[in-house]
Amino acid sequence: MEFLNRLFSNKPSPKDVAKDRLKLILINDRGTLSPDILDKIKSEILEVLSRYIEIEPSDVDIAVTSTEKLEGGAPSLVANIPIKNVRKR
């Protein structure tokens, strides 16, 4: 019965959990952006975007992640920027 429970369980195996943790460590090692540089990038992106759209800086999330589609899971800069309104020029 235990075999069937494990077979149909949605719970990830310890192997999968360890694999995901290792991926996160590798992402952090490969993505050599310091928090200071990431903050500078974020502020410059917000400065440019605020010329054209209305945004709330506290709602912006910018992070370095890994994409599975790229060979080797290369680091990527991912931004989630909710748009409140488009500025009319």
PDB file of N, CA and C in Angstrom:
ATOM      1  N   MET A   1       0.803  -1.187   0.000  1.00  0.00           N
ATOM      2  CA  MET A   1       0.000   0.000   0.000  1.00  0.00           C
ATOM      3  C   MET A   1       0.862   1.275   0.000  1.00  0.00           C
ATOM      4  N   GLU A   2       1.966   1.245   0.713  1.00  0.00           N
ATOM      5  CA  GLU A   2       2.867   2.404   0.754  1.00  0.00           C
ATOM      6  C   GLU A   2       3.402   2.728  -0.640  1.00  0.00           C
ATOM      7  N   PHE A   3       3.667   1.685  -1.428  1.00  0.00           N
ATOM      8  CA  PHE A   3       4.156   1.884  -2.789  1.00  0.00           C
ATOM      9  C   PHE A   3       3.145   2.684  -3.610  1.00  0.00           C
ATOM     10  N   LEU A   4       1.868   2.335  -3.504  1.00  0.00           N
ATOM     11  CA  LEU A   4       0.834   3.038  -4.252  1.00  0.00           C
ATOM     12  C   LEU A   4       0.695   4.483  -3.781  1.00  0.00           C
ATOM     13  N   ASN A   5       0.836   4.713  -2.467  1.00  0.00           N
ATOM     14  CA  ASN A   5       0.774   6.081  -1.953  1.00  0.00           C
ATOM     15  C   ASN A   5       1.904   6.925  -2.513  1.00  0.00           C
ATOM     16  N   ARG A   6       3.104   6.364  -2.574  1.00  0.00           N
ATOM     17  CA  ARG A   6       4.235   7.114  -3.130  1.00  0.00           C
ATOM     18  C   ARG A   6       4.079   7.321  -4.626  1.00  0.00           C
ATOM     19  N   LEU A   7       3.522   6.335  -5.311  1.00  0.00           N
ATOM     20  CA  LEU A   7       3.351   6.409  -6.757  1.00  0.00           C
ATOM     21  C   LEU A   7       2.377   7.524  -7.145  1.00  0.00           C
ATOM     22  N   PHE A   8       1.314   7.693  -6.386  1.00  0.00           N
ATOM     23  CA  PHE A   8       0.289   8.671  -6.735  1.00  0.00           C
ATOM     24  C   PHE A   8       0.367   9.943  -5.897  1.00  0.00           C
ATOM     25  N   SER A   9       1.399  10.093  -5.149  1.00  0.00           N
ATOM     26  CA  SER A   9       1.559  11.278  -4.309  1.00  0.00           C
ATOM     27  C   SER A   9       2.080  12.447  -5.134  1.00  0.00           C
ATOM     28  N   ASN A  10       1.603  13.662  -4.834  1.00  0.00           N
ATOM     29  CA  ASN A  10       2.074  14.874  -5.503  1.00  0.00           C
ATOM     30  C   ASN A  10       3.292  15.463  -4.804  1.00  0.00           C
ATOM     31  N   LYS A  11       3.672  14.867  -3.692  1.00  0.00           N
ATOM     32  CA  LYS A  11       4.788  15.356  -2.899  1.00  0.00           C
ATOM     33  C   LYS A  11       6.102  15.071  -3.634  1.00  0.00           C
ATOM     34  N   PRO A  12       6.982  16.095  -3.784  1.00  0.00           N
ATOM     35  CA  PRO A  12       8.248  15.858  -4.486  1.00  0.00           C
ATOM     36  C   PRO A  12       9.169  14.953  -3.669  1.00  0.00           C
ATOM     37  N   SER A  13       9.947  14.178  -4.374  1.00  0.00           N
ATOM     38  CA  SER A  13      10.880  13.280  -3.699  1.00  0.00           C
ATOM     39  C   SER A  13      12.056  14.079  -3.137  1.00  0.00           C
ATOM     40  N   PRO A  14      12.756  13.552  -2.145  1.00  0.00           N
ATOM     41  CA  PRO A  14      13.936  14.242  -1.617  1.00  0.00           C
ATOM     42  C   PRO A  14      14.975  14.532  -2.702  1.00  0.00           C
ATOM     43  N   LYS A  15      15.060  13.646  -3.679  1.00  0.00           N
ATOM     44  CA  LYS A  15      15.988  13.841  -4.798  1.00  0.00           C
ATOM     45  C   LYS A  15      15.611  15.103  -5.576  1.00  0.00           C
ATOM     46  N   ASP A  16      14.309  15.280  -5.856  1.00  0.00           N
ATOM     47  CA  ASP A  16      13.853  16.466  -6.592  1.00  0.00           C
ATOM     48  C   ASP A  16      14.062  17.749  -5.796  1.00  0.00           C
ATOM     49  N   VAL A  17      13.828  17.674  -4.488  1.00  0.00           N
ATOM     50  CA  VAL A  17      14.030  18.841  -3.631  1.00  0.00           C
ATOM     51  C   VAL A  17      15.504  19.244  -3.635  1.00  0.00           C
ATOM     52  N   ALA A  18      16.396  18.249  -3.494  1.00  0.00           N
ATOM     53  CA  ALA A  18      17.837  18.527  -3.500  1.00  0.00           C
ATOM     54  C   ALA A  18      18.275  19.091  -4.839  1.00  0.00           C
ATOM     55  N   LYS A  19      17.724  18.563  -5.926  1.00  0.00           N
ATOM     56  CA  LYS A  19      18.054  19.049  -7.265  1.00  0.00           C
ATOM     57  C   LYS A  19      17.648  20.514  -7.439  1.00  0.00           C
ATOM     58  N   ASP A  20      16.443  20.863  -6.962  1.00  0.00           N
ATOM     59  CA  ASP A  20      15.977  22.250  -7.044  1.00  0.00           C
ATOM     60  C   ASP A  20      16.841  23.182  -6.209  1.00  0.00           C
ATOM     61  N   ARG A  21      17.252  22.740  -5.025  1.00  0.00           N
ATOM     62  CA  ARG A  21      18.119  23.558  -4.178  1.00  0.00           C
ATOM     63  C   ARG A  21      19.464  23.801  -4.842  1.00  0.00           C
ATOM     64  N   LEU A  22      20.003  22.764  -5.464  1.00  0.00           N
ATOM     65  CA  LEU A  22      21.274  22.908  -6.162  1.00  0.00           C
ATOM     66  C   LEU A  22      21.153  23.890  -7.322  1.00  0.00           C
ATOM     67  N   LYS A  23      20.039  23.854  -8.034  1.00  0.00           N
ATOM     68  CA  LYS A  23      19.811  24.807  -9.127  1.00  0.00           C
ATOM     69  C   LYS A  23      19.821  26.234  -8.609  1.00  0.00           C
ATOM     70  N   LEU A  24      19.166  26.465  -7.464  1.00  0.00           N
ATOM     71  CA  LEU A  24      19.143  27.806  -6.886  1.00  0.00           C
ATOM     72  C   LEU A  24      20.537  28.278  -6.498  1.00  0.00           C
ATOM     73  N   ILE A  25      21.340  27.372  -5.950  1.00  0.00           N
ATOM     74  CA  ILE A  25      22.711  27.726  -5.582  1.00  0.00           C
ATOM     75  C   ILE A  25      23.517  28.082  -6.827  1.00  0.00           C
ATOM     76  N   LEU A  26      23.364  27.298  -7.877  1.00  0.00           N
ATOM     77  CA  LEU A  26      24.093  27.568  -9.119  1.00  0.00           C
ATOM     78  C   LEU A  26      23.645  28.879  -9.755  1.00  0.00           C
ATOM     79  N   ILE A  27      22.357  29.176  -9.672  1.00  0.00           N
ATOM     80  CA  ILE A  27      21.855  30.440 -10.210  1.00  0.00           C
ATOM     81  C   ILE A  27      22.530  31.600  -9.492  1.00  0.00           C
ATOM     82  N   ASN A  28      22.592  31.510  -8.165  1.00  0.00           N
ATOM     83  CA  ASN A  28      23.208  32.582  -7.392  1.00  0.00           C
ATOM     84  C   ASN A  28      24.696  32.709  -7.697  1.00  0.00           C
ATOM     85  N   ASP A  29      25.375  31.591  -7.904  1.00  0.00           N
ATOM     86  CA  ASP A  29      26.801  31.632  -8.229  1.00  0.00           C
ATOM     87  C   ASP A  29      27.052  32.203  -9.616  1.00  0.00           C
ATOM     88  N   ARG A  30      26.218  31.824 -10.570  1.00  0.00           N
ATOM     89  CA  ARG A  30      26.416  32.283 -11.952  1.00  0.00           C
ATOM     90  C   ARG A  30      25.943  33.710 -12.161  1.00  0.00           C
ATOM     91  N   GLY A  31      24.896  34.073 -11.481  1.00  0.00           N
ATOM     92  CA  GLY A  31      24.370  35.433 -11.585  1.00  0.00           C
ATOM     93  C   GLY A  31      25.160  36.316 -10.636  1.00  0.00           C
ATOM     94  N   THR A  32      26.286  36.837 -11.115  1.00  0.00           N
ATOM     95  CA  THR A  32      27.220  37.542 -10.250  1.00  0.00           C
ATOM     96  C   THR A  32      26.841  38.993 -10.018  1.00  0.00           C
ATOM     97  N   LEU A  33      25.566  39.308 -10.050  1.00  0.00           N
ATOM     98  CA  LEU A  33      25.124  40.674  -9.791  1.00  0.00           C
ATOM     99  C   LEU A  33      24.998  40.867  -8.282  1.00  0.00           C
ATOM    100  N   SER A  34      25.723  41.834  -7.766  1.00  0.00           N
ATOM    101  CA  SER A  34      25.614  42.131  -6.340  1.00  0.00           C
ATOM    102  C   SER A  34      24.292  42.843  -6.086  1.00  0.00           C
ATOM    103  N   PRO A  35      23.824  42.828  -4.854  1.00  0.00           N
ATOM    104  CA  PRO A  35      22.575  43.537  -4.539  1.00  0.00           C
ATOM    105  C   PRO A  35      22.651  45.031  -4.874  1.00  0.00           C
ATOM    106  N   ASP A  36      23.829  45.644  -4.713  1.00  0.00           N
ATOM    107  CA  ASP A  36      23.975  47.065  -5.059  1.00  0.00           C
ATOM    108  C   ASP A  36      23.762  47.309  -6.542  1.00  0.00           C
ATOM    109  N   ILE A  37      24.361  46.464  -7.368  1.00  0.00           N
ATOM    110  CA  ILE A  37      24.211  46.606  -8.820  1.00  0.00           C
ATOM    111  C   ILE A  37      22.766  46.347  -9.224  1.00  0.00           C
ATOM    112  N   LEU A  38      22.146  45.332  -8.621  1.00  0.00           N
ATOM    113  CA  LEU A  38      20.752  45.033  -8.936  1.00  0.00           C
ATOM    114  C   LEU A  38      19.849  46.207  -8.551  1.00  0.00           C
ATOM    115  N   ASP A  39      20.124  46.863  -7.436  1.00  0.00           N
ATOM    116  CA  ASP A  39      19.355  48.052  -7.045  1.00  0.00           C
ATOM    117  C   ASP A  39      19.554  49.199  -8.029  1.00  0.00           C
ATOM    118  N   LYS A  40      20.776  49.385  -8.522  1.00  0.00           N
ATOM    119  CA  LYS A  40      21.043  50.438  -9.516  1.00  0.00           C
ATOM    120  C   LYS A  40      20.299  50.158 -10.817  1.00  0.00           C
ATOM    121  N   ILE A  41      20.330  48.904 -11.238  1.00  0.00           N
ATOM    122  CA  ILE A  41      19.612  48.519 -12.460  1.00  0.00           C
ATOM    123  C   ILE A  41      18.128  48.798 -12.286  1.00  0.00           C
ATOM    124  N   LYS A  42      17.579  48.403 -11.130  1.00  0.00           N
ATOM    125  CA  LYS A  42      16.157  48.609 -10.864  1.00  0.00           C
ATOM    126  C   LYS A  42      15.804  50.090 -10.901  1.00  0.00           C
ATOM    127  N   SER A  43      16.605  50.925 -10.255  1.00  0.00           N
ATOM    128  CA  SER A  43      16.278  52.357 -10.224  1.00  0.00           C
ATOM    129  C   SER A  43      16.368  52.987 -11.608  1.00  0.00           C
ATOM    130  N   GLU A  44      17.350  52.565 -12.416  1.00  0.00           N
ATOM    131  CA  GLU A  44      17.460  53.113 -13.773  1.00  0.00           C
ATOM    132  C   GLU A  44      16.312  52.657 -14.656  1.00  0.00           C
ATOM    133  N   ILE A  45      15.909  51.400 -14.530  1.00  0.00           N
ATOM    134  CA  ILE A  45      14.764  50.907 -15.306  1.00  0.00           C
ATOM    135  C   ILE A  45      13.512  51.682 -14.920  1.00  0.00           C
ATOM    136  N   LEU A  46      13.316  51.870 -13.611  1.00  0.00           N
ATOM    137  CA  LEU A  46      12.137  52.608 -13.147  1.00  0.00           C
ATOM    138  C   LEU A  46      12.148  54.052 -13.615  1.00  0.00           C
ATOM    139  N   GLU A  47      13.323  54.655 -13.642  1.00  0.00           N
ATOM    140  CA  GLU A  47      13.450  56.041 -14.106  1.00  0.00           C
ATOM    141  C   GLU A  47      13.004  56.177 -15.554  1.00  0.00           C
ATOM    142  N   VAL A  48      13.453  55.270 -16.399  1.00  0.00           N
ATOM    143  CA  VAL A  48      13.091  55.318 -17.822  1.00  0.00           C
ATOM    144  C   VAL A  48      11.609  55.008 -18.013  1.00  0.00           C
ATOM    145  N   LEU A  49      11.128  53.948 -17.365  1.00  0.00           N
ATOM    146  CA  LEU A  49       9.732  53.559 -17.536  1.00  0.00           C
ATOM    147  C   LEU A  49       8.770  54.621 -17.031  1.00  0.00           C
ATOM    148  N   SER A  50       9.152  55.324 -15.963  1.00  0.00           N
ATOM    149  CA  SER A  50       8.250  56.321 -15.392  1.00  0.00           C
ATOM    150  C   SER A  50       8.028  57.513 -16.322  1.00  0.00           C
ATOM    151  N   ARG A  51       8.854  57.660 -17.333  1.00  0.00           N
ATOM    152  CA  ARG A  51       8.626  58.705 -18.332  1.00  0.00           C
ATOM    153  C   ARG A  51       7.408  58.386 -19.201  1.00  0.00           C
ATOM    154  N   TYR A  52       7.114  57.103 -19.346  1.00  0.00           N
ATOM    155  CA  TYR A  52       6.078  56.665 -20.277  1.00  0.00           C
ATOM    156  C   TYR A  52       4.860  56.035 -19.610  1.00  0.00           C
ATOM    157  N   ILE A  53       5.059  55.442 -18.444  1.00  0.00           N
ATOM    158  CA  ILE A  53       3.954  54.785 -17.750  1.00  0.00           C
ATOM    159  C   ILE A  53       3.986  55.140 -16.268  1.00  0.00           C
ATOM    160  N   GLU A  54       2.825  55.048 -15.651  1.00  0.00           N
ATOM    161  CA  GLU A  54       2.726  55.298 -14.219  1.00  0.00           C
ATOM    162  C   GLU A  54       2.891  53.960 -13.494  1.00  0.00           C
ATOM    163  N   ILE A  55       3.864  53.918 -12.590  1.00  0.00           N
ATOM    164  CA  ILE A  55       4.148  52.695 -11.850  1.00  0.00           C
ATOM    165  C   ILE A  55       4.317  53.021 -10.374  1.00  0.00           C
ATOM    166  N   GLU A  56       4.146  51.998  -9.548  1.00  0.00           N
ATOM    167  CA  GLU A  56       4.383  52.120  -8.114  1.00  0.00           C
ATOM    168  C   GLU A  56       5.684  51.374  -7.811  1.00  0.00           C
ATOM    169  N   PRO A  57       6.753  52.116  -7.483  1.00  0.00           N
ATOM    170  CA  PRO A  57       8.066  51.472  -7.270  1.00  0.00           C
ATOM    171  C   PRO A  57       8.047  50.342  -6.245  1.00  0.00           C
ATOM    172  N   SER A  58       7.206  50.419  -5.244  1.00  0.00           N
ATOM    173  CA  SER A  58       7.170  49.358  -4.231  1.00  0.00           C
ATOM    174  C   SER A  58       6.563  48.060  -4.760  1.00  0.00           C
ATOM    175  N   ASP A  59       5.827  48.126  -5.878  1.00  0.00           N
ATOM    176  CA  ASP A  59       5.217  46.928  -6.472  1.00  0.00           C
ATOM    177  C   ASP A  59       6.135  46.228  -7.471  1.00  0.00           C
ATOM    178  N   VAL A  60       7.278  46.844  -7.777  1.00  0.00           N
ATOM    179  CA  VAL A  60       8.181  46.304  -8.789  1.00  0.00           C
ATOM    180  C   VAL A  60       9.060  45.212  -8.194  1.00  0.00           C
ATOM    181  N   ASP A  61       9.184  44.115  -8.935  1.00  0.00           N
ATOM    182  CA  ASP A  61      10.036  43.006  -8.508  1.00  0.00           C
ATOM    183  C   ASP A  61      11.001  42.680  -9.635  1.00  0.00           C
ATOM    184  N   ILE A  62      12.293  42.850  -9.388  1.00  0.00           N
ATOM    185  CA  ILE A  62      13.327  42.530 -10.367  1.00  0.00           C
ATOM    186  C   ILE A  62      14.287  41.547  -9.717  1.00  0.00           C
ATOM    187  N   ALA A  63      14.552  40.422 -10.401  1.00  0.00           N
ATOM    188  CA  ALA A  63      15.398  39.386  -9.816  1.00  0.00           C
ATOM    189  C   ALA A  63      16.203  38.681 -10.896  1.00  0.00           C
ATOM    190  N   VAL A  64      17.266  38.018 -10.477  1.00  0.00           N
ATOM    191  CA  VAL A  64      18.059  37.180 -11.373  1.00  0.00           C
ATOM    192  C   VAL A  64      17.576  35.751 -11.164  1.00  0.00           C
ATOM    193  N   THR A  65      17.154  35.121 -12.270  1.00  0.00           N
ATOM    194  CA  THR A  65      16.660  33.749 -12.208  1.00  0.00           C
ATOM    195  C   THR A  65      17.308  32.930 -13.307  1.00  0.00           C
ATOM    196  N   SER A  66      16.943  31.672 -13.362  1.00  0.00           N
ATOM    197  CA  SER A  66      17.449  30.793 -14.406  1.00  0.00           C
ATOM    198  C   SER A  66      16.303  30.378 -15.302  1.00  0.00           C
ATOM    199  N   THR A  67      16.562  30.295 -16.595  1.00  0.00           N
ATOM    200  CA  THR A  67      15.539  29.825 -17.526  1.00  0.00           C
ATOM    201  C   THR A  67      15.934  28.459 -18.034  1.00  0.00           C
ATOM    202  N   GLU A  68      14.986  27.550 -18.002  1.00  0.00           N
ATOM    203  CA  GLU A  68      15.242  26.185 -18.449  1.00  0.00           C
ATOM    204  C   GLU A  68      15.386  26.098 -19.966  1.00  0.00           C
ATOM    205  N   LYS A  69      14.785  27.056 -20.685  1.00  0.00           N
ATOM    206  CA  LYS A  69      14.809  26.990 -22.146  1.00  0.00           C
ATOM    207  C   LYS A  69      16.200  27.265 -22.708  1.00  0.00           C
ATOM    208  N   LEU A  70      16.962  28.084 -22.010  1.00  0.00           N
ATOM    209  CA  LEU A  70      18.303  28.385 -22.487  1.00  0.00           C
ATOM    210  C   LEU A  70      19.245  27.256 -22.131  1.00  0.00           C
ATOM    211  N   GLU A  71      20.181  26.995 -22.983  1.00  0.00           N
ATOM    212  CA  GLU A  71      21.132  25.916 -22.753  1.00  0.00           C
ATOM    213  C   GLU A  71      21.907  26.158 -21.468  1.00  0.00           C
ATOM    214  N   GLY A  72      21.894  25.164 -20.602  1.00  0.00           N
ATOM    215  CA  GLY A  72      22.640  25.266 -19.362  1.00  0.00           C
ATOM    216  C   GLY A  72      21.934  26.058 -18.286  1.00  0.00           C
ATOM    217  N   GLY A  73      20.701  26.477 -18.503  1.00  0.00           N
ATOM    218  CA  GLY A  73      19.969  27.235 -17.503  1.00  0.00           C
ATOM    219  C   GLY A  73      20.657  28.548 -17.168  1.00  0.00           C
ATOM    220  N   ALA A  74      21.018  29.314 -18.186  1.00  0.00           N
ATOM    221  CA  ALA A  74      21.732  30.575 -17.993  1.00  0.00           C
ATOM    222  C   ALA A  74      20.914  31.558 -17.169  1.00  0.00           C
ATOM    223  N   PRO A  75      21.591  32.394 -16.380  1.00  0.00           N
ATOM    224  CA  PRO A  75      20.863  33.386 -15.585  1.00  0.00           C
ATOM    225  C   PRO A  75      20.156  34.413 -16.464  1.00  0.00           C
ATOM    226  N   SER A  76      19.005  34.877 -15.979  1.00  0.00           N
ATOM    227  CA  SER A  76      18.223  35.885 -16.688  1.00  0.00           C
ATOM    228  C   SER A  76      17.757  36.940 -15.697  1.00  0.00           C
ATOM    229  N   LEU A  77      17.643  38.147 -16.173  1.00  0.00           N
ATOM    230  CA  LEU A  77      17.089  39.227 -15.371  1.00  0.00           C
ATOM    231  C   LEU A  77      15.601  39.287 -15.681  1.00  0.00           C
ATOM    232  N   VAL A  78      14.772  39.080 -14.655  1.00  0.00           N
ATOM    233  CA  VAL A  78      13.329  39.022 -14.835  1.00  0.00           C
ATOM    234  C   VAL A  78      12.703  40.164 -14.048  1.00  0.00           C
ATOM    235  N   ALA A  79      11.790  40.908 -14.701  1.00  0.00           N
ATOM    236  CA  ALA A  79      11.138  42.039 -14.060  1.00  0.00           C
ATOM    237  C   ALA A  79       9.625  41.871 -14.112  1.00  0.00           C
ATOM    238  N   ASN A  80       8.993  42.097 -12.975  1.00  0.00           N
ATOM    239  CA  ASN A  80       7.545  42.122 -12.886  1.00  0.00           C
ATOM    240  C   ASN A  80       7.172  43.543 -12.475  1.00  0.00           C
ATOM    241  N   ILE A  81       6.625  44.304 -13.438  1.00  0.00           N
ATOM    242  CA  ILE A  81       6.341  45.720 -13.221  1.00  0.00           C
ATOM    243  C   ILE A  81       4.875  45.993 -13.547  1.00  0.00           C
ATOM    244  N   PRO A  82       4.015  46.038 -12.514  1.00  0.00           N
ATOM    245  CA  PRO A  82       2.610  46.341 -12.764  1.00  0.00           C
ATOM    246  C   PRO A  82       2.442  47.782 -13.264  1.00  0.00           C
ATOM    247  N   ILE A  83       1.646  47.961 -14.319  1.00  0.00           N
ATOM    248  CA  ILE A  83       1.417  49.277 -14.917  1.00  0.00           C
ATOM    249  C   ILE A  83       0.096  49.835 -14.376  1.00  0.00           C
ATOM    250  N   LYS A  84       0.157  51.010 -13.759  1.00  0.00           N
ATOM    251  CA  LYS A  84      -1.048  51.644 -13.225  1.00  0.00           C
ATOM    252  C   LYS A  84      -1.779  52.411 -14.318  1.00  0.00           C
ATOM    253  N   ASN A  85      -1.003  53.123 -15.158  1.00  0.00           N
ATOM    254  CA  ASN A  85      -1.622  53.964 -16.185  1.00  0.00           C
ATOM    255  C   ASN A  85      -0.555  54.307 -17.220  1.00  0.00           C
ATOM    256  N   VAL A  86      -1.001  54.568 -18.443  1.00  0.00           N
ATOM    257  CA  VAL A  86      -0.081  55.003 -19.501  1.00  0.00           C
ATOM    258  C   VAL A  86      -0.116  56.521 -19.563  1.00  0.00           C
ATOM    259  N   ARG A  87       1.063  57.109 -19.566  1.00  0.00           N
ATOM    260  CA  ARG A  87       1.161  58.583 -19.618  1.00  0.00           C
ATOM    261  C   ARG A  87       0.897  59.053 -21.045  1.00  0.00           C
ATOM    262  N   LYS A  88       0.149  60.116 -21.155  1.00  0.00           N
ATOM    263  CA  LYS A  88      -0.105  60.691 -22.483  1.00  0.00           C
ATOM    264  C   LYS A  88       0.906  61.778 -22.712  1.00  0.00           C
ATOM    265  N   ARG A  89       1.489  61.802 -23.862  1.00  0.00           N
ATOM    266  CA  ARG A  89       2.538  62.765 -24.194  1.00  0.00           C
ATOM    267  C   ARG A  89       2.040  63.789 -25.140  1.00  0.00           C
TER     268      ARG A  89
END
